[in-house]
Protein backbone atom coordinates (compact mmCIF):
# COMPACT_ATOMS: atom_id res chain seq x y z
CA MET A 1 106.42 106.25 123.67
CA THR A 2 106.28 106.09 119.93
CA THR A 3 108.22 103.97 117.52
CA PRO A 4 111.59 105.50 116.58
CA GLY A 5 111.81 106.77 113.04
CA PRO A 6 114.57 105.98 110.53
CA ASP A 7 116.80 108.58 112.19
CA GLY A 8 116.52 106.80 115.57
CA ARG A 9 114.46 109.56 117.20
CA ASP A 10 111.05 108.97 118.73
CA GLY A 11 108.17 109.78 116.42
CA GLY A 12 105.83 112.65 117.08
CA PRO A 13 102.32 112.67 118.51
CA GLY A 14 99.87 110.48 116.66
CA GLU A 15 102.41 107.88 115.63
CA ARG A 16 102.02 104.28 116.70
CA GLY A 17 103.59 103.07 119.90
CA ASP A 18 105.58 99.91 120.52
CA LEU A 19 103.66 97.64 122.86
CA LEU A 20 106.75 95.56 123.63
CA ASP A 21 108.66 98.62 124.88
CA PRO A 22 108.17 98.78 128.68
CA ARG A 23 108.05 102.61 128.47
CA CYS A 24 105.24 102.64 125.90
CA PRO A 25 101.99 104.20 127.20
CA THR A 26 100.06 101.73 125.04
CA ARG A 27 100.57 99.23 127.86
CA GLN A 28 98.75 101.45 130.34
CA LEU A 29 95.95 102.06 127.84
CA LEU A 30 95.50 98.31 127.33
CA ASP A 31 95.41 97.86 131.11
CA ARG A 32 92.54 100.36 131.28
CA ILE A 33 90.45 99.16 128.33
CA GLY A 34 91.16 95.46 128.81
CA THR A 35 89.17 95.00 132.02
CA LYS A 36 85.90 93.10 132.26
CA TRP A 37 84.23 96.17 133.78
CA THR A 38 85.28 98.38 130.87
CA SER A 39 84.06 95.80 128.37
CA MET A 40 80.67 95.48 130.06
CA THR A 41 80.26 99.23 130.55
CA VAL A 42 81.12 99.98 126.92
CA LYS A 43 78.68 97.24 125.80
CA VAL A 44 75.79 98.75 127.77
CA LEU A 45 76.56 102.28 126.57
CA ALA A 46 76.94 101.07 122.96
CA GLU A 47 73.53 99.35 123.13
CA GLU A 48 71.96 102.69 124.06
CA SER A 49 73.97 104.86 121.68
CA PRO A 50 73.44 107.64 120.80
CA HIS A 51 71.32 108.03 123.93
CA GLU A 52 72.64 108.60 127.42
CA VAL A 53 72.45 106.20 130.36
CA ARG A 54 72.19 107.31 133.97
CA PHE A 55 74.69 106.04 136.52
CA ALA A 56 72.09 104.04 138.47
CA GLU A 57 70.86 102.35 135.29
CA LEU A 58 74.42 101.44 134.31
CA ARG A 59 74.96 99.91 137.73
CA ARG A 60 71.78 97.83 137.38
CA ARG A 61 72.80 96.59 133.92
CA VAL A 62 76.39 95.61 134.85
CA PRO A 63 75.87 92.73 137.29
CA GLY A 64 78.35 92.49 140.14
CA ILE A 65 79.97 95.90 139.72
CA SER A 66 80.26 98.03 142.85
CA GLN A 67 79.39 101.70 142.86
CA LYS A 68 83.07 102.51 143.47
CA MET A 69 84.29 100.32 140.58
CA LEU A 70 81.70 101.71 138.16
CA SER A 71 82.62 105.26 139.16
CA SER A 72 86.32 104.51 138.68
CA THR A 73 85.69 102.83 135.32
CA LEU A 74 83.60 105.74 134.06
CA GLN A 75 86.16 108.30 135.25
CA SER A 76 88.90 106.46 133.37
CA LEU A 77 86.79 106.18 130.22
CA ALA A 78 85.87 109.87 130.42
CA ARG A 79 89.49 110.91 130.98
CA ASP A 80 90.51 108.96 127.86
CA GLY A 81 87.76 110.65 125.86
CA LEU A 82 85.79 107.43 125.35
CA VAL A 83 82.77 108.51 127.41
CA ALA A 84 81.01 111.86 127.73
CA ARG A 85 79.53 112.78 131.13
CA ARG A 86 76.67 115.19 131.69
CA VAL A 87 75.41 116.33 135.09
CA GLU A 88 71.92 117.74 135.58
CA PRO A 89 71.81 120.33 138.36
CA THR A 90 69.06 118.60 140.30
CA VAL A 91 68.94 117.38 143.90
CA PRO A 92 70.42 114.84 143.91
CA PRO A 93 72.36 115.48 140.68
CA ALA A 94 71.41 113.23 137.77
CA VAL A 95 74.57 112.04 136.00
CA HIS A 96 74.30 110.76 132.42
CA TYR A 97 76.90 108.95 130.29
CA ARG A 98 77.23 108.18 126.60
CA LEU A 99 79.97 106.88 124.35
CA THR A 100 81.86 109.37 122.23
CA GLU A 101 82.75 108.53 118.63
CA LEU A 102 86.10 107.27 119.94
CA GLY A 103 84.29 105.12 122.50
CA LEU A 104 81.98 103.72 119.83
CA SER A 105 85.06 102.72 117.82
CA LEU A 106 86.20 100.61 120.78
CA GLU A 107 82.95 98.61 120.92
CA GLY A 108 83.76 96.61 117.76
CA PRO A 109 87.07 95.18 119.01
CA LEU A 110 85.66 94.55 122.50
CA SER A 111 82.63 92.81 120.99
CA VAL A 112 84.91 90.46 119.03
CA LEU A 113 86.87 89.67 122.20
CA ARG A 114 83.67 89.05 124.21
CA HIS A 115 82.36 86.76 121.46
CA TRP A 116 85.65 84.83 121.40
CA ALA A 117 85.53 84.36 125.19
CA GLU A 118 81.90 83.20 125.14
CA THR A 119 82.57 80.80 122.25
CA HIS A 120 85.74 79.27 123.69
CA MET A 121 84.87 79.22 127.40
CA PRO A 122 83.77 75.54 127.37
CA GLU A 123 87.10 74.51 125.84
CA ILE A 124 89.04 76.68 128.28
CA ASP A 125 87.07 75.14 131.18
CA ARG A 126 87.93 71.63 129.92
CA ASN A 127 91.60 72.57 129.66
CA ASN A 128 91.58 73.97 133.19
CA ARG A 129 89.92 70.86 134.60
CA ALA A 130 92.46 68.64 132.81
CA ALA A 131 95.34 70.74 134.14
CA ASP A 132 93.93 70.58 137.67
CA GLN A 133 93.66 66.79 137.48
CA SER A 134 97.26 66.27 136.37
């Protein structure tokens, strides 16, 4: 859903959405890119950019992620055009991933959010403990 123009009609493709509109697809996009697994996966791929990373290596470098969750995360990122996937026809197939230019543009905002969380986690922990005690 895009923001209506001056004539009251929805704008065309490429125009900004309205996050507060429940019909806006921006909400679904934020649901996909706002997960911890997406943030960690993008971070690992960005660190290796422009080189590719194999699936098994990604799984090793994202602690706690299951094979199913990593596969789902990568499928979503690839569908959105944020990650490129390449399969080598070997037995078993070797699957490689890298960030696209669009994916690389997401690393900056996610990096800022990760930094904010790491910086403010002690304060958030204190607030949670205080709330639990009252």
